[in-house]
Amino acid sequence: MTTVTIREAKTNLSKLLRKIAAGDEVIILRGKKPVARLVAVGEVKRKRQPGSLKATLRVGPEFFEPVLKNEFSRWE
């Protein structure tokens, strides 16, 4: 695990990203206090497809009915 100040992170961002991609973790400090942790995102398994759940999810007609006033009190 690598720790750097905000200034060092700004100056060496490309180098830090290479370290993160290699599996390292970077902690960014403000003074002596840690404020952020940078880690690799990981691989995205597949690209998102709009409408891919179209055949799975169903919205019934009751979804579009107006909400009664007494039902709002349960939300408060």
PDB file of N, CA and C in Angstrom:
ATOM      1  N   MET A   1       0.845  -1.170   0.000  1.00  0.00           N
ATOM      2  CA  MET A   1       0.000   0.000   0.000  1.00  0.00           C
ATOM      3  C   MET A   1       0.894   1.239   0.000  1.00  0.00           C
ATOM      4  N   THR A   2       0.556   2.181  -0.866  1.00  0.00           N
ATOM      5  CA  THR A   2       1.317   3.411  -1.014  1.00  0.00           C
ATOM      6  C   THR A   2       0.513   4.562  -0.429  1.00  0.00           C
ATOM      7  N   THR A   3       1.167   5.461   0.285  1.00  0.00           N
ATOM      8  CA  THR A   3       0.493   6.667   0.785  1.00  0.00           C
ATOM      9  C   THR A   3       1.166   7.887   0.178  1.00  0.00           C
ATOM     10  N   VAL A   4       0.342   8.835  -0.266  1.00  0.00           N
ATOM     11  CA  VAL A   4       0.854  10.059  -0.870  1.00  0.00           C
ATOM     12  C   VAL A   4       0.000  11.238  -0.414  1.00  0.00           C
ATOM     13  N   THR A   5       0.575  12.420  -0.492  1.00  0.00           N
ATOM     14  CA  THR A   5      -0.186  13.624  -0.208  1.00  0.00           C
ATOM     15  C   THR A   5      -0.990  14.007  -1.448  1.00  0.00           C
ATOM     16  N   ILE A   6      -1.898  14.933  -1.282  1.00  0.00           N
ATOM     17  CA  ILE A   6      -2.705  15.385  -2.410  1.00  0.00           C
ATOM     18  C   ILE A   6      -1.819  15.956  -3.507  1.00  0.00           C
ATOM     19  N   ARG A   7      -0.826  16.733  -3.130  1.00  0.00           N
ATOM     20  CA  ARG A   7       0.084  17.332  -4.114  1.00  0.00           C
ATOM     21  C   ARG A   7       0.834  16.257  -4.889  1.00  0.00           C
ATOM     22  N   GLU A   8       1.351  15.241  -4.165  1.00  0.00           N
ATOM     23  CA  GLU A   8       2.059  14.152  -4.836  1.00  0.00           C
ATOM     24  C   GLU A   8       1.120  13.385  -5.771  1.00  0.00           C
ATOM     25  N   ALA A   9      -0.129  13.207  -5.357  1.00  0.00           N
ATOM     26  CA  ALA A   9      -1.094  12.492  -6.193  1.00  0.00           C
ATOM     27  C   ALA A   9      -1.360  13.257  -7.480  1.00  0.00           C
ATOM     28  N   LYS A  10      -1.502  14.573  -7.385  1.00  0.00           N
ATOM     29  CA  LYS A  10      -1.726  15.388  -8.586  1.00  0.00           C
ATOM     30  C   LYS A  10      -0.524  15.311  -9.524  1.00  0.00           C
ATOM     31  N   THR A  11       0.665  15.411  -8.953  1.00  0.00           N
ATOM     32  CA  THR A  11       1.886  15.436  -9.739  1.00  0.00           C
ATOM     33  C   THR A  11       2.174  14.094 -10.403  1.00  0.00           C
ATOM     34  N   ASN A  12       1.891  13.003  -9.712  1.00  0.00           N
ATOM     35  CA  ASN A  12       2.280  11.676 -10.182  1.00  0.00           C
ATOM     36  C   ASN A  12       1.097  10.774 -10.502  1.00  0.00           C
ATOM     37  N   LEU A  13       0.000  11.336 -10.964  1.00  0.00           N
ATOM     38  CA  LEU A  13      -1.209  10.550 -11.180  1.00  0.00           C
ATOM     39  C   LEU A  13      -0.984   9.383 -12.130  1.00  0.00           C
ATOM     40  N   SER A  14      -0.295   9.591 -13.232  1.00  0.00           N
ATOM     41  CA  SER A  14      -0.061   8.505 -14.191  1.00  0.00           C
ATOM     42  C   SER A  14       0.717   7.358 -13.557  1.00  0.00           C
ATOM     43  N   LYS A  15       1.744   7.682 -12.775  1.00  0.00           N
ATOM     44  CA  LYS A  15       2.533   6.647 -12.105  1.00  0.00           C
ATOM     45  C   LYS A  15       1.676   5.892 -11.093  1.00  0.00           C
ATOM     46  N   LEU A  16       0.848   6.629 -10.360  1.00  0.00           N
ATOM     47  CA  LEU A  16      -0.008   5.989  -9.363  1.00  0.00           C
ATOM     48  C   LEU A  16      -1.030   5.063 -10.026  1.00  0.00           C
ATOM     49  N   LEU A  17      -1.556   5.484 -11.165  1.00  0.00           N
ATOM     50  CA  LEU A  17      -2.522   4.646 -11.874  1.00  0.00           C
ATOM     51  C   LEU A  17      -1.888   3.343 -12.360  1.00  0.00           C
ATOM     52  N   ARG A  18      -0.622   3.410 -12.766  1.00  0.00           N
ATOM     53  CA  ARG A  18       0.075   2.184 -13.164  1.00  0.00           C
ATOM     54  C   ARG A  18       0.226   1.241 -11.971  1.00  0.00           C
ATOM     55  N   LYS A  19       0.547   1.801 -10.799  1.00  0.00           N
ATOM     56  CA  LYS A  19       0.675   0.989  -9.593  1.00  0.00           C
ATOM     57  C   LYS A  19      -0.664   0.355  -9.228  1.00  0.00           C
ATOM     58  N   ILE A  20      -1.728   1.145  -9.330  1.00  0.00           N
ATOM     59  CA  ILE A  20      -3.062   0.647  -8.991  1.00  0.00           C
ATOM     60  C   ILE A  20      -3.460  -0.472  -9.947  1.00  0.00           C
ATOM     61  N   ALA A  21      -3.197  -0.287 -11.230  1.00  0.00           N
ATOM     62  CA  ALA A  21      -3.516  -1.314 -12.225  1.00  0.00           C
ATOM     63  C   ALA A  21      -2.751  -2.608 -11.958  1.00  0.00           C
ATOM     64  N   ALA A  22      -1.568  -2.488 -11.356  1.00  0.00           N
ATOM     65  CA  ALA A  22      -0.758  -3.659 -11.031  1.00  0.00           C
ATOM     66  C   ALA A  22      -1.208  -4.328  -9.731  1.00  0.00           C
ATOM     67  N   GLY A  23      -2.223  -3.738  -9.058  1.00  0.00           N
ATOM     68  CA  GLY A  23      -2.748  -4.364  -7.848  1.00  0.00           C
ATOM     69  C   GLY A  23      -2.449  -3.633  -6.562  1.00  0.00           C
ATOM     70  N   ASP A  24      -1.704  -2.550  -6.627  1.00  0.00           N
ATOM     71  CA  ASP A  24      -1.387  -1.784  -5.419  1.00  0.00           C
ATOM     72  C   ASP A  24      -2.585  -0.937  -5.024  1.00  0.00           C
ATOM     73  N   GLU A  25      -2.599  -0.505  -3.790  1.00  0.00           N
ATOM     74  CA  GLU A  25      -3.621   0.381  -3.268  1.00  0.00           C
ATOM     75  C   GLU A  25      -2.937   1.691  -2.897  1.00  0.00           C
ATOM     76  N   VAL A  26      -3.574   2.823  -3.178  1.00  0.00           N
ATOM     77  CA  VAL A  26      -2.980   4.127  -2.875  1.00  0.00           C
ATOM     78  C   VAL A  26      -3.898   4.876  -1.924  1.00  0.00           C
ATOM     79  N   ILE A  27      -3.332   5.358  -0.832  1.00  0.00           N
ATOM     80  CA  ILE A  27      -4.059   6.172   0.134  1.00  0.00           C
ATOM     81  C   ILE A  27      -3.599   7.614  -0.047  1.00  0.00           C
ATOM     82  N   ILE A  28      -4.563   8.535  -0.196  1.00  0.00           N
ATOM     83  CA  ILE A  28      -4.235   9.953  -0.349  1.00  0.00           C
ATOM     84  C   ILE A  28      -4.464  10.641   0.996  1.00  0.00           C
ATOM     85  N   LEU A  29      -3.455  11.397   1.403  1.00  0.00           N
ATOM     86  CA  LEU A  29      -3.493  12.074   2.698  1.00  0.00           C
ATOM     87  C   LEU A  29      -3.669  13.576   2.533  1.00  0.00           C
ATOM     88  N   ARG A  30      -4.432  14.172   3.426  1.00  0.00           N
ATOM     89  CA  ARG A  30      -4.481  15.633   3.558  1.00  0.00           C
ATOM     90  C   ARG A  30      -3.772  15.917   4.873  1.00  0.00           C
ATOM     91  N   GLY A  31      -2.552  16.397   4.763  1.00  0.00           N
ATOM     92  CA  GLY A  31      -1.710  16.508   5.946  1.00  0.00           C
ATOM     93  C   GLY A  31      -1.320  15.100   6.367  1.00  0.00           C
ATOM     94  N   LYS A  32      -1.720  14.701   7.576  1.00  0.00           N
ATOM     95  CA  LYS A  32      -1.453  13.337   8.041  1.00  0.00           C
ATOM     96  C   LYS A  32      -2.722  12.488   8.070  1.00  0.00           C
ATOM     97  N   LYS A  33      -3.845  13.073   7.653  1.00  0.00           N
ATOM     98  CA  LYS A  33      -5.121  12.385   7.731  1.00  0.00           C
ATOM     99  C   LYS A  33      -5.486  11.755   6.381  1.00  0.00           C
ATOM    100  N   PRO A  34      -5.777  10.451   6.343  1.00  0.00           N
ATOM    101  CA  PRO A  34      -6.194   9.820   5.088  1.00  0.00           C
ATOM    102  C   PRO A  34      -7.580  10.316   4.667  1.00  0.00           C
ATOM    103  N   VAL A  35      -7.725  10.675   3.397  1.00  0.00           N
ATOM    104  CA  VAL A  35      -9.002  11.183   2.902  1.00  0.00           C
ATOM    105  C   VAL A  35      -9.566  10.366   1.753  1.00  0.00           C
ATOM    106  N   ALA A  36      -8.750   9.548   1.085  1.00  0.00           N
ATOM    107  CA  ALA A  36      -9.243   8.753  -0.038  1.00  0.00           C
ATOM    108  C   ALA A  36      -8.381   7.512  -0.214  1.00  0.00           C
ATOM    109  N   ARG A  37      -9.009   6.483  -0.770  1.00  0.00           N
ATOM    110  CA  ARG A  37      -8.296   5.243  -1.083  1.00  0.00           C
ATOM    111  C   ARG A  37      -8.568   4.935  -2.543  1.00  0.00           C
ATOM    112  N   LEU A  38      -7.520   4.773  -3.311  1.00  0.00           N
ATOM    113  CA  LEU A  38      -7.648   4.449  -4.729  1.00  0.00           C
ATOM    114  C   LEU A  38      -7.323   2.980  -4.935  1.00  0.00           C
ATOM    115  N   VAL A  39      -8.259   2.270  -5.579  1.00  0.00           N
ATOM    116  CA  VAL A  39      -8.069   0.855  -5.900  1.00  0.00           C
ATOM    117  C   VAL A  39      -8.514   0.625  -7.336  1.00  0.00           C
ATOM    118  N   ALA A  40      -8.081  -0.462  -7.907  1.00  0.00           N
ATOM    119  CA  ALA A  40      -8.466  -0.795  -9.275  1.00  0.00           C
ATOM    120  C   ALA A  40      -9.960  -1.127  -9.321  1.00  0.00           C
ATOM    121  N   VAL A  41     -10.594  -0.767 -10.409  1.00  0.00           N
ATOM    122  CA  VAL A  41     -12.015  -1.019 -10.589  1.00  0.00           C
ATOM    123  C   VAL A  41     -12.273  -2.500 -10.840  1.00  0.00           C
ATOM    124  N   GLY A  42     -11.417  -3.136 -11.534  1.00  0.00           N
ATOM    125  CA  GLY A  42     -11.638  -4.524 -11.925  1.00  0.00           C
ATOM    126  C   GLY A  42     -12.161  -4.552 -13.349  1.00  0.00           C
ATOM    127  N   GLU A  43     -12.310  -5.737 -13.868  1.00  0.00           N
ATOM    128  CA  GLU A  43     -12.754  -5.862 -15.247  1.00  0.00           C
ATOM    129  C   GLU A  43     -14.272  -5.810 -15.323  1.00  0.00           C
ATOM    130  N   VAL A  44     -14.756  -5.121 -16.337  1.00  0.00           N
ATOM    131  CA  VAL A  44     -16.183  -5.113 -16.616  1.00  0.00           C
ATOM    132  C   VAL A  44     -16.470  -6.352 -17.438  1.00  0.00           C
ATOM    133  N   LYS A  45     -17.419  -7.153 -16.990  1.00  0.00           N
ATOM    134  CA  LYS A  45     -17.663  -8.442 -17.641  1.00  0.00           C
ATOM    135  C   LYS A  45     -18.272  -8.292 -19.024  1.00  0.00           C
ATOM    136  N   ARG A  46     -19.193  -7.362 -19.173  1.00  0.00           N
ATOM    137  CA  ARG A  46     -19.782  -7.142 -20.493  1.00  0.00           C
ATOM    138  C   ARG A  46     -20.390  -5.753 -20.540  1.00  0.00           C
ATOM    139  N   LYS A  47     -20.599  -5.308 -21.724  1.00  0.00           N
ATOM    140  CA  LYS A  47     -21.173  -3.992 -21.929  1.00  0.00           C
ATOM    141  C   LYS A  47     -22.660  -4.030 -21.584  1.00  0.00           C
ATOM    142  N   ARG A  48     -23.136  -2.961 -20.943  1.00  0.00           N
ATOM    143  CA  ARG A  48     -24.541  -2.885 -20.586  1.00  0.00           C
ATOM    144  C   ARG A  48     -25.402  -2.718 -21.832  1.00  0.00           C
ATOM    145  N   GLN A  49     -26.509  -3.429 -21.871  1.00  0.00           N
ATOM    146  CA  GLN A  49     -27.428  -3.369 -22.993  1.00  0.00           C
ATOM    147  C   GLN A  49     -28.759  -2.792 -22.531  1.00  0.00           C
ATOM    148  N   PRO A  50     -29.148  -1.611 -23.026  1.00  0.00           N
ATOM    149  CA  PRO A  50     -30.470  -1.089 -22.673  1.00  0.00           C
ATOM    150  C   PRO A  50     -31.556  -2.056 -23.134  1.00  0.00           C
ATOM    151  N   GLY A  51     -32.523  -2.292 -22.256  1.00  0.00           N
ATOM    152  CA  GLY A  51     -33.626  -3.172 -22.595  1.00  0.00           C
ATOM    153  C   GLY A  51     -33.348  -4.641 -22.378  1.00  0.00           C
ATOM    154  N   SER A  52     -32.215  -4.992 -21.771  1.00  0.00           N
ATOM    155  CA  SER A  52     -31.873  -6.410 -21.609  1.00  0.00           C
ATOM    156  C   SER A  52     -32.804  -7.129 -20.634  1.00  0.00           C
ATOM    157  N   LEU A  53     -33.478  -6.396 -19.747  1.00  0.00           N
ATOM    158  CA  LEU A  53     -34.418  -7.012 -18.807  1.00  0.00           C
ATOM    159  C   LEU A  53     -35.868  -6.867 -19.259  1.00  0.00           C
ATOM    160  N   LYS A  54     -36.067  -6.478 -20.488  1.00  0.00           N
ATOM    161  CA  LYS A  54     -37.407  -6.207 -20.989  1.00  0.00           C
ATOM    162  C   LYS A  54     -38.345  -7.399 -20.816  1.00  0.00           C
ATOM    163  N   ALA A  55     -37.900  -8.582 -21.078  1.00  0.00           N
ATOM    164  CA  ALA A  55     -38.747  -9.767 -20.956  1.00  0.00           C
ATOM    165  C   ALA A  55     -38.856 -10.248 -19.509  1.00  0.00           C
ATOM    166  N   THR A  56     -38.029  -9.723 -18.604  1.00  0.00           N
ATOM    167  CA  THR A  56     -37.995 -10.186 -17.222  1.00  0.00           C
ATOM    168  C   THR A  56     -38.862  -9.340 -16.297  1.00  0.00           C
ATOM    169  N   LEU A  57     -38.782  -8.025 -16.428  1.00  0.00           N
ATOM    170  CA  LEU A  57     -39.500  -7.123 -15.535  1.00  0.00           C
ATOM    171  C   LEU A  57     -40.847  -6.738 -16.122  1.00  0.00           C
ATOM    172  N   ARG A  58     -41.851  -6.741 -15.278  1.00  0.00           N
ATOM    173  CA  ARG A  58     -43.192  -6.354 -15.704  1.00  0.00           C
ATOM    174  C   ARG A  58     -43.722  -5.284 -14.754  1.00  0.00           C
ATOM    175  N   VAL A  59     -44.354  -4.263 -15.296  1.00  0.00           N
ATOM    176  CA  VAL A  59     -45.004  -3.222 -14.505  1.00  0.00           C
ATOM    177  C   VAL A  59     -46.502  -3.371 -14.725  1.00  0.00           C
ATOM    178  N   GLY A  60     -47.218  -3.669 -13.647  1.00  0.00           N
ATOM    179  CA  GLY A  60     -48.655  -3.866 -13.743  1.00  0.00           C
ATOM    180  C   GLY A  60     -49.394  -2.534 -13.811  1.00  0.00           C
ATOM    181  N   PRO A  61     -50.666  -2.565 -14.151  1.00  0.00           N
ATOM    182  CA  PRO A  61     -51.453  -1.331 -14.271  1.00  0.00           C
ATOM    183  C   PRO A  61     -51.610  -0.595 -12.941  1.00  0.00           C
ATOM    184  N   GLU A  62     -51.508  -1.319 -11.808  1.00  0.00           N
ATOM    185  CA  GLU A  62     -51.635  -0.664 -10.495  1.00  0.00           C
ATOM    186  C   GLU A  62     -50.500   0.326 -10.239  1.00  0.00           C
ATOM    187  N   PHE A  63     -49.397   0.176 -10.924  1.00  0.00           N
ATOM    188  CA  PHE A  63     -48.277   1.103 -10.782  1.00  0.00           C
ATOM    189  C   PHE A  63     -48.683   2.520 -11.183  1.00  0.00           C
ATOM    190  N   PHE A  64     -49.562   2.635 -12.128  1.00  0.00           N
ATOM    191  CA  PHE A  64     -49.944   3.938 -12.656  1.00  0.00           C
ATOM    192  C   PHE A  64     -51.164   4.538 -11.954  1.00  0.00           C
ATOM    193  N   GLU A  65     -51.734   3.818 -10.988  1.00  0.00           N
ATOM    194  CA  GLU A  65     -52.874   4.360 -10.243  1.00  0.00           C
ATOM    195  C   GLU A  65     -52.393   5.426  -9.281  1.00  0.00           C
ATOM    196  N   PRO A  66     -53.213   6.477  -9.028  1.00  0.00           N
ATOM    197  CA  PRO A  66     -52.798   7.535  -8.105  1.00  0.00           C
ATOM    198  C   PRO A  66     -52.678   7.002  -6.677  1.00  0.00           C
ATOM    199  N   VAL A  67     -51.771   7.603  -5.905  1.00  0.00           N
ATOM    200  CA  VAL A  67     -51.557   7.222  -4.514  1.00  0.00           C
ATOM    201  C   VAL A  67     -52.581   7.965  -3.660  1.00  0.00           C
ATOM    202  N   LEU A  68     -53.229   7.243  -2.758  1.00  0.00           N
ATOM    203  CA  LEU A  68     -54.215   7.859  -1.873  1.00  0.00           C
ATOM    204  C   LEU A  68     -53.512   8.670  -0.794  1.00  0.00           C
ATOM    205  N   LYS A  69     -54.181   9.728  -0.324  1.00  0.00           N
ATOM    206  CA  LYS A  69     -53.556  10.610   0.674  1.00  0.00           C
ATOM    207  C   LYS A  69     -53.201   9.870   1.955  1.00  0.00           C
ATOM    208  N   ASN A  70     -54.060   8.935   2.399  1.00  0.00           N
ATOM    209  CA  ASN A  70     -53.742   8.217   3.638  1.00  0.00           C
ATOM    210  C   ASN A  70     -52.523   7.302   3.487  1.00  0.00           C
ATOM    211  N   GLU A  71     -52.165   6.922   2.274  1.00  0.00           N
ATOM    212  CA  GLU A  71     -50.972   6.111   2.052  1.00  0.00           C
ATOM    213  C   GLU A  71     -49.697   6.930   2.244  1.00  0.00           C
ATOM    214  N   PHE A  72     -49.753   8.234   2.005  1.00  0.00           N
ATOM    215  CA  PHE A  72     -48.580   9.083   2.213  1.00  0.00           C
ATOM    216  C   PHE A  72     -48.150   9.116   3.664  1.00  0.00           C
ATOM    217  N   SER A  73     -49.084   9.012   4.596  1.00  0.00           N
ATOM    218  CA  SER A  73     -48.737   9.068   6.025  1.00  0.00           C
ATOM    219  C   SER A  73     -47.833   7.907   6.421  1.00  0.00           C
ATOM    220  N   ARG A  74     -47.913   6.769   5.738  1.00  0.00           N
ATOM    221  CA  ARG A  74     -47.032   5.640   6.046  1.00  0.00           C
ATOM    222  C   ARG A  74     -45.599   5.901   5.622  1.00  0.00           C
ATOM    223  N   TRP A  75     -45.362   6.863   4.744  1.00  0.00           N
ATOM    224  CA  TRP A  75     -44.029   7.167   4.246  1.00  0.00           C
ATOM    225  C   TRP A  75     -43.292   8.143   5.144  1.00  0.00           C
ATOM    226  N   GLU A  76     -43.978   8.789   6.041  1.00  0.00           N
ATOM    227  CA  GLU A  76     -43.341   9.830   6.864  1.00  0.00           C
ATOM    228  C   GLU A  76     -42.741   9.245   8.110  1.00  0.00           C
TER     229      GLU A  76
END
